[in-house]
Amino acid sequence: MVKRLFPHPWLSLTLLATWLLLVNRVSPADWALGAFLGWAISLLIGKGLWLRPMRVGRPDLMLRLAAHVLIDIVVANVEVALLVLGPVSRMRPAFIQVPIDVEHELALSALISIVSLSPGTLCAELSDDRRRLLVHVLDLDNEANLIALVKSRYEAPLREIFECLPS
């Protein structure tokens, strides 16, 4: 009975706390509205909107990928800073199409996030068939090298991590 009324109690409490932080007040009305929203959203999610629990495949590879991403972000920050502080004529902005093979929704989201988080690159569009990313690059030296880098450094580990998980 309690589980049916409160299917995700920690989510309800988190939503209540988030609400109180957002409104920046702790009046009884704010507590009541936050508690109601936390309960209602938790109840709706419990009715089928909640994602299935996901097990982690290859945590060693996930850590290695996270390290690669962090290192690449630091290096890209320095490169972009030098590029922006230098003459504008050195910049070679371009849009490129990166073919992708990942199929798992979370792997695709992670790939788009990784590419967009790295300074100097931004995913502008995912094709309707989910087979190509349109990526804006601030300074494109070699299109083939950049595509190979995205595919080998980010997409391949993500495919390996998520291939053992249900779609």
Protein backbone atom coordinates (compact mmCIF):
# COMPACT_ATOMS: atom_id res chain seq x y z
CA MET A 1 0.00 0.00 0.00
CA VAL A 2 2.71 2.48 0.99
CA LYS A 3 4.79 1.50 -2.04
CA ARG A 4 1.83 2.26 -4.33
CA LEU A 5 1.31 5.70 -2.77
CA PHE A 6 5.03 6.52 -2.66
CA PRO A 7 6.72 4.49 -5.42
CA HIS A 8 9.95 6.53 -5.32
CA PRO A 9 10.31 8.16 -1.88
CA TRP A 10 13.88 9.37 -2.47
CA LEU A 11 12.82 11.02 -5.69
CA SER A 12 9.95 12.74 -3.87
CA LEU A 13 12.32 14.06 -1.20
CA THR A 14 14.82 15.20 -3.82
CA LEU A 15 12.09 17.01 -5.74
CA LEU A 16 10.86 18.66 -2.52
CA ALA A 17 14.39 19.85 -1.71
CA THR A 18 14.89 21.07 -5.26
CA TRP A 19 11.61 22.97 -5.12
CA LEU A 20 12.56 24.67 -1.84
CA LEU A 21 15.92 25.65 -3.29
CA LEU A 22 14.30 27.02 -6.44
CA VAL A 23 11.73 29.18 -4.64
CA ASN A 24 14.35 30.22 -2.04
CA ARG A 25 11.74 30.23 0.75
CA VAL A 26 10.62 27.76 3.39
CA SER A 27 7.06 28.87 4.13
CA PRO A 28 4.44 26.22 4.93
CA ALA A 29 2.81 26.85 1.54
CA ASP A 30 6.12 26.21 -0.25
CA TRP A 31 6.64 23.01 1.74
CA ALA A 32 3.11 21.86 0.90
CA LEU A 33 3.41 22.66 -2.80
CA GLY A 34 6.88 21.08 -3.00
CA ALA A 35 5.68 17.95 -1.20
CA PHE A 36 2.67 17.71 -3.49
CA LEU A 37 4.78 18.15 -6.63
CA GLY A 38 7.34 15.60 -5.39
CA TRP A 39 4.61 13.10 -4.60
CA ALA A 40 2.68 13.69 -7.87
CA ILE A 41 5.74 13.49 -10.11
CA SER A 42 6.94 10.39 -8.28
CA LEU A 43 3.52 8.81 -8.70
CA LEU A 44 3.40 9.62 -12.43
CA ILE A 45 6.88 8.24 -12.94
CA GLY A 46 5.90 5.11 -11.02
CA LYS A 47 3.09 4.56 -13.54
CA GLY A 48 5.47 3.80 -16.38
CA LEU A 49 7.53 6.84 -17.15
CA TRP A 50 10.49 5.64 -15.07
CA LEU A 51 13.45 4.30 -17.01
CA ARG A 52 14.29 0.68 -16.44
CA PRO A 53 17.16 0.14 -14.02
CA MET A 54 20.44 -0.01 -15.90
CA ARG A 55 23.37 -2.15 -14.98
CA VAL A 56 26.83 -0.89 -15.76
CA GLY A 57 28.75 -2.79 -18.41
CA ARG A 58 32.54 -2.55 -18.35
CA PRO A 59 33.14 -0.10 -15.46
CA ASP A 60 36.88 -0.20 -16.22
CA LEU A 61 36.21 1.06 -19.73
CA MET A 62 33.84 3.72 -18.39
CA LEU A 63 36.58 5.06 -16.12
CA ARG A 64 39.08 5.07 -18.98
CA LEU A 65 36.58 6.90 -21.21
CA ALA A 66 35.91 9.45 -18.46
CA ALA A 67 39.65 10.05 -18.11
CA HIS A 68 40.02 10.50 -21.88
CA VAL A 69 37.13 12.96 -21.94
CA LEU A 70 38.53 15.01 -19.04
CA ILE A 71 41.98 15.15 -20.61
CA ASP A 72 40.51 16.09 -23.99
CA ILE A 73 38.43 18.87 -22.40
CA VAL A 74 41.51 20.36 -20.71
CA VAL A 75 43.58 20.17 -23.90
CA ALA A 76 40.72 21.61 -25.98
CA ASN A 77 40.32 24.49 -23.52
CA VAL A 78 43.96 25.45 -23.99
CA GLU A 79 43.74 25.08 -27.79
CA VAL A 80 40.57 27.15 -28.01
CA ALA A 81 42.01 29.84 -25.72
CA LEU A 82 45.12 30.12 -27.91
CA LEU A 83 42.97 30.14 -31.03
CA VAL A 84 40.60 32.81 -29.74
CA LEU A 85 43.40 35.01 -28.42
CA GLY A 86 45.28 34.77 -31.73
CA PRO A 87 44.41 36.30 -35.09
CA VAL A 88 40.93 35.56 -36.39
CA SER A 89 42.39 34.46 -39.72
CA ARG A 90 43.80 31.31 -38.02
CA MET A 91 40.31 29.99 -37.33
CA ARG A 92 38.88 27.49 -39.79
CA PRO A 93 35.29 26.87 -38.64
CA ALA A 94 33.34 24.16 -40.42
CA PHE A 95 30.42 21.78 -40.19
CA ILE A 96 31.17 18.10 -40.69
CA GLN A 97 29.04 14.97 -40.89
CA VAL A 98 30.19 12.25 -38.50
CA PRO A 99 28.74 8.81 -39.31
CA ILE A 100 27.78 6.95 -36.15
CA ASP A 101 26.99 3.35 -35.36
CA VAL A 102 25.76 3.51 -31.75
CA GLU A 103 22.17 2.41 -31.30
CA HIS A 104 21.56 2.45 -27.55
CA GLU A 105 19.74 5.64 -26.51
CA LEU A 106 22.03 6.35 -23.56
CA ALA A 107 25.16 5.71 -25.62
CA LEU A 108 23.92 8.11 -28.26
CA SER A 109 23.13 10.74 -25.63
CA ALA A 110 26.55 10.26 -24.06
CA LEU A 111 28.30 10.62 -27.42
CA ILE A 112 26.44 13.83 -28.23
CA SER A 113 27.21 15.20 -24.77
CA ILE A 114 30.90 14.31 -24.96
CA VAL A 115 31.31 15.97 -28.36
CA SER A 116 29.39 19.06 -27.22
CA LEU A 117 31.24 19.33 -23.90
CA SER A 118 34.61 19.51 -25.58
CA PRO A 119 35.45 23.17 -26.29
CA GLY A 120 35.66 23.93 -29.99
CA THR A 121 33.08 21.32 -31.04
CA LEU A 122 29.31 21.24 -30.84
CA CYS A 123 26.73 18.74 -32.06
CA ALA A 124 24.32 20.80 -34.10
CA GLU A 125 22.00 18.04 -35.32
CA LEU A 126 21.29 14.34 -35.22
CA SER A 127 19.98 12.97 -38.52
CA ASP A 128 16.47 11.54 -38.62
CA ASP A 129 17.82 8.02 -39.13
CA ARG A 130 20.23 8.51 -36.16
CA ARG A 131 23.20 7.56 -38.32
CA ARG A 132 24.95 10.95 -38.63
CA LEU A 133 25.87 13.82 -36.35
CA LEU A 134 26.29 17.28 -37.76
CA VAL A 135 29.18 18.72 -35.75
CA HIS A 136 30.37 22.32 -35.78
CA VAL A 137 34.13 22.61 -35.34
CA LEU A 138 35.82 25.89 -34.45
CA ASP A 139 39.10 24.97 -36.12
CA LEU A 140 39.07 22.10 -38.62
CA ASP A 141 42.47 20.92 -39.75
CA ASN A 142 41.58 17.52 -41.23
CA GLU A 143 38.00 16.24 -41.44
CA ALA A 144 38.96 12.57 -41.75
CA ASN A 145 41.22 12.74 -38.69
CA LEU A 146 38.50 14.36 -36.57
CA ILE A 147 35.92 11.77 -37.63
CA ALA A 148 38.37 8.97 -36.84
CA LEU A 149 39.10 10.53 -33.44
CA VAL A 150 35.41 10.76 -32.49
CA LYS A 151 34.75 7.21 -33.66
CA SER A 152 37.77 5.59 -32.01
CA ARG A 153 38.14 7.64 -28.84
CA TYR A 154 34.47 8.10 -27.89
CA GLU A 155 32.09 6.02 -29.99
CA ALA A 156 33.96 2.71 -29.84
CA PRO A 157 34.18 2.63 -26.02
CA LEU A 158 30.54 3.70 -25.72
CA ARG A 159 29.46 0.93 -28.08
CA GLU A 160 31.41 -1.60 -26.03
CA ILE A 161 29.99 -0.31 -22.74
CA PHE A 162 26.40 -0.27 -23.92
CA GLU A 163 26.31 -3.31 -26.24
CA CYS A 164 25.75 -5.66 -23.31
CA LEU A 165 22.80 -3.62 -22.05
CA PRO A 166 19.20 -3.99 -23.22
CA SER A 167 17.96 -1.23 -25.53
